[in-house]
Amino acid sequence: MRKTLLLEEVGLFGLSLFMYTQLPYGWGLFALLILTPDVFMLGYLAGKRVGALIYNIGHHRGLALAVWGMGYHVGISWIMLIGVILFAHASMDRIFGYGLKYADDFKHTHLQEIADQT
């Protein structure tokens, strides 16, 4: 099952790359922005429960698609860019095993328990 989920995430990341090619921006901007959704980790400064909520909002692909769709609807490419970056980042995180967070611990995700890297 893990391989199937991984392949799905790789496919969704590939979709985000395709979506990005439809925007009028260079790949340097993509590289610069791909990690910016991790700013949602700052929610953990307010505690585990609030942190998990804020982190999960920023890493939810439904929100990413809603932002992209809003940008598409109004014809504003930078709003679509935000949606694509959110979508790509969430897929990339899940490829590496970082999923949505449970409120009990940052390391407890819907995909796995993240092991200490030390």
C-alpha atoms as a PDB file:
ATOM      1  CA  MET A   1       0.000   0.000   0.000  1.00  0.00           C
ATOM      2  CA  ARG A   2       2.858   2.412   0.781  1.00  0.00           C
ATOM      3  CA  LYS A   3       4.206   2.099  -2.763  1.00  0.00           C
ATOM      4  CA  THR A   4       0.764   2.759  -4.201  1.00  0.00           C
ATOM      5  CA  LEU A   5       0.384   5.911  -2.093  1.00  0.00           C
ATOM      6  CA  LEU A   6       3.890   7.013  -3.047  1.00  0.00           C
ATOM      7  CA  LEU A   7       3.148   6.560  -6.754  1.00  0.00           C
ATOM      8  CA  GLU A   8      -0.058   8.541  -6.340  1.00  0.00           C
ATOM      9  CA  GLU A   9       1.849  11.400  -4.696  1.00  0.00           C
ATOM     10  CA  VAL A  10       4.523  11.365  -7.407  1.00  0.00           C
ATOM     11  CA  GLY A  11       1.749  11.584  -9.999  1.00  0.00           C
ATOM     12  CA  LEU A  12       0.104  14.497  -8.188  1.00  0.00           C
ATOM     13  CA  PHE A  13       3.445  16.277  -7.896  1.00  0.00           C
ATOM     14  CA  GLY A  14       3.872  15.746 -11.643  1.00  0.00           C
ATOM     15  CA  LEU A  15       0.422  17.247 -12.169  1.00  0.00           C
ATOM     16  CA  SER A  16       1.477  20.295 -10.177  1.00  0.00           C
ATOM     17  CA  LEU A  17       4.544  20.675 -12.393  1.00  0.00           C
ATOM     18  CA  PHE A  18       2.302  20.548 -15.457  1.00  0.00           C
ATOM     19  CA  MET A  19      -0.018  23.126 -13.901  1.00  0.00           C
ATOM     20  CA  TYR A  20       3.000  25.344 -13.280  1.00  0.00           C
ATOM     21  CA  THR A  21       4.039  25.143 -16.947  1.00  0.00           C
ATOM     22  CA  GLN A  22       0.709  26.733 -17.822  1.00  0.00           C
ATOM     23  CA  LEU A  23       1.637  29.857 -15.854  1.00  0.00           C
ATOM     24  CA  PRO A  24       3.832  32.707 -17.125  1.00  0.00           C
ATOM     25  CA  TYR A  25       6.620  32.186 -14.584  1.00  0.00           C
ATOM     26  CA  GLY A  26      10.100  30.716 -14.758  1.00  0.00           C
ATOM     27  CA  TRP A  27      11.372  27.683 -12.894  1.00  0.00           C
ATOM     28  CA  GLY A  28      13.564  29.813 -10.665  1.00  0.00           C
ATOM     29  CA  LEU A  29      10.444  31.222  -9.031  1.00  0.00           C
ATOM     30  CA  PHE A  30       9.102  27.709  -8.485  1.00  0.00           C
ATOM     31  CA  ALA A  31      12.351  26.707  -6.788  1.00  0.00           C
ATOM     32  CA  LEU A  32      12.252  29.846  -4.663  1.00  0.00           C
ATOM     33  CA  LEU A  33       8.653  29.312  -3.529  1.00  0.00           C
ATOM     34  CA  ILE A  34       8.320  25.532  -3.171  1.00  0.00           C
ATOM     35  CA  LEU A  35       9.200  25.533   0.547  1.00  0.00           C
ATOM     36  CA  THR A  36       7.246  28.668   1.512  1.00  0.00           C
ATOM     37  CA  PRO A  37       4.139  26.746   2.682  1.00  0.00           C
ATOM     38  CA  ASP A  38       6.250  25.504   5.585  1.00  0.00           C
ATOM     39  CA  VAL A  39       5.664  28.942   7.110  1.00  0.00           C
ATOM     40  CA  PHE A  40       2.435  27.358   8.396  1.00  0.00           C
ATOM     41  CA  MET A  41       4.611  25.507  10.929  1.00  0.00           C
ATOM     42  CA  LEU A  42       4.781  28.794  12.836  1.00  0.00           C
ATOM     43  CA  GLY A  43       1.325  27.921  14.146  1.00  0.00           C
ATOM     44  CA  TYR A  44       3.097  25.552  16.527  1.00  0.00           C
ATOM     45  CA  LEU A  45       4.293  28.618  18.448  1.00  0.00           C
ATOM     46  CA  ALA A  46       0.701  28.761  19.763  1.00  0.00           C
ATOM     47  CA  GLY A  47       0.745  25.114  20.879  1.00  0.00           C
ATOM     48  CA  LYS A  48       0.269  21.660  19.405  1.00  0.00           C
ATOM     49  CA  ARG A  49      -3.477  21.840  18.760  1.00  0.00           C
ATOM     50  CA  VAL A  50      -3.410  25.268  17.081  1.00  0.00           C
ATOM     51  CA  GLY A  51      -0.184  24.371  15.290  1.00  0.00           C
ATOM     52  CA  ALA A  52      -1.635  21.194  13.810  1.00  0.00           C
ATOM     53  CA  LEU A  53      -4.745  23.068  12.674  1.00  0.00           C
ATOM     54  CA  ILE A  54      -2.804  25.866  10.975  1.00  0.00           C
ATOM     55  CA  TYR A  55      -0.254  23.475   9.475  1.00  0.00           C
ATOM     56  CA  ASN A  56      -3.016  21.240   8.084  1.00  0.00           C
ATOM     57  CA  ILE A  57      -4.873  24.179   6.566  1.00  0.00           C
ATOM     58  CA  GLY A  58      -1.712  25.260   4.754  1.00  0.00           C
ATOM     59  CA  HIS A  59      -0.990  21.729   3.542  1.00  0.00           C
ATOM     60  CA  HIS A  60      -4.498  20.748   2.457  1.00  0.00           C
ATOM     61  CA  ARG A  61      -4.729  20.124  -1.265  1.00  0.00           C
ATOM     62  CA  GLY A  62      -8.408  21.041  -1.260  1.00  0.00           C
ATOM     63  CA  LEU A  63      -7.469  24.568  -0.219  1.00  0.00           C
ATOM     64  CA  ALA A  64      -4.706  24.599  -2.836  1.00  0.00           C
ATOM     65  CA  LEU A  65      -7.168  23.674  -5.575  1.00  0.00           C
ATOM     66  CA  ALA A  66      -9.694  26.227  -4.321  1.00  0.00           C
ATOM     67  CA  VAL A  67      -7.053  28.981  -4.460  1.00  0.00           C
ATOM     68  CA  TRP A  68      -5.965  27.883  -7.936  1.00  0.00           C
ATOM     69  CA  GLY A  69      -9.590  27.733  -9.080  1.00  0.00           C
ATOM     70  CA  MET A  70     -10.299  31.204  -7.746  1.00  0.00           C
ATOM     71  CA  GLY A  71      -7.269  32.532  -9.628  1.00  0.00           C
ATOM     72  CA  TYR A  72      -8.395  30.757 -12.777  1.00  0.00           C
ATOM     73  CA  HIS A  73     -11.940  32.098 -12.426  1.00  0.00           C
ATOM     74  CA  VAL A  74     -10.817  35.717 -12.066  1.00  0.00           C
ATOM     75  CA  GLY A  75      -7.918  35.346 -14.506  1.00  0.00           C
ATOM     76  CA  ILE A  76      -5.146  36.328 -12.087  1.00  0.00           C
ATOM     77  CA  SER A  77      -2.050  34.207 -12.602  1.00  0.00           C
ATOM     78  CA  TRP A  78      -0.354  35.021  -9.286  1.00  0.00           C
ATOM     79  CA  ILE A  79      -3.349  33.604  -7.385  1.00  0.00           C
ATOM     80  CA  MET A  80      -3.112  30.475  -9.530  1.00  0.00           C
ATOM     81  CA  LEU A  81       0.611  30.413  -8.694  1.00  0.00           C
ATOM     82  CA  ILE A  82      -0.154  30.343  -4.965  1.00  0.00           C
ATOM     83  CA  GLY A  83      -2.537  27.424  -5.507  1.00  0.00           C
ATOM     84  CA  VAL A  84       0.001  25.481  -7.567  1.00  0.00           C
ATOM     85  CA  ILE A  85       2.764  26.037  -5.008  1.00  0.00           C
ATOM     86  CA  LEU A  86       0.504  24.906  -2.153  1.00  0.00           C
ATOM     87  CA  PHE A  87      -0.515  21.819  -4.153  1.00  0.00           C
ATOM     88  CA  ALA A  88       3.042  20.962  -5.210  1.00  0.00           C
ATOM     89  CA  HIS A  89       4.404  21.442  -1.705  1.00  0.00           C
ATOM     90  CA  ALA A  90       1.742  19.225  -0.120  1.00  0.00           C
ATOM     91  CA  SER A  91       2.435  16.471  -2.646  1.00  0.00           C
ATOM     92  CA  MET A  92       6.194  16.807  -2.190  1.00  0.00           C
ATOM     93  CA  ASP A  93       5.830  16.581   1.589  1.00  0.00           C
ATOM     94  CA  ARG A  94       3.770  13.418   1.263  1.00  0.00           C
ATOM     95  CA  ILE A  95       6.343  11.865  -1.064  1.00  0.00           C
ATOM     96  CA  PHE A  96       8.835  12.242   1.784  1.00  0.00           C
ATOM     97  CA  GLY A  97       6.377  10.890   4.354  1.00  0.00           C
ATOM     98  CA  TYR A  98       5.298  14.167   5.926  1.00  0.00           C
ATOM     99  CA  GLY A  99       1.551  14.119   6.136  1.00  0.00           C
ATOM    100  CA  LEU A 100      -1.154  16.110   7.811  1.00  0.00           C
ATOM    101  CA  LYS A 101      -0.562  16.455  11.541  1.00  0.00           C
ATOM    102  CA  TYR A 102      -2.488  15.111  14.492  1.00  0.00           C
ATOM    103  CA  ALA A 103      -2.858  17.494  17.429  1.00  0.00           C
ATOM    104  CA  ASP A 104      -0.949  15.290  19.889  1.00  0.00           C
ATOM    105  CA  ASP A 105       2.508  15.613  18.322  1.00  0.00           C
ATOM    106  CA  PHE A 106       4.169  17.221  15.281  1.00  0.00           C
ATOM    107  CA  LYS A 107       5.717  13.853  14.412  1.00  0.00           C
ATOM    108  CA  HIS A 108       2.337  12.067  14.348  1.00  0.00           C
ATOM    109  CA  THR A 109       0.978  12.347  10.809  1.00  0.00           C
ATOM    110  CA  HIS A 110      -1.788  10.675   8.841  1.00  0.00           C
ATOM    111  CA  LEU A 111       0.882   8.780   6.902  1.00  0.00           C
ATOM    112  CA  GLN A 112       3.262   7.634   9.620  1.00  0.00           C
ATOM    113  CA  GLU A 113       5.061   8.482  12.803  1.00  0.00           C
ATOM    114  CA  ILE A 114       8.069  10.571  11.742  1.00  0.00           C
ATOM    115  CA  ALA A 115      11.240   9.098  13.246  1.00  0.00           C
ATOM    116  CA  ASP A 116      13.970  11.176  14.797  1.00  0.00           C
ATOM    117  CA  GLN A 117      16.733  11.810  12.295  1.00  0.00           C
ATOM    118  CA  THR A 118      19.457  12.103  14.952  1.00  0.00           C
END
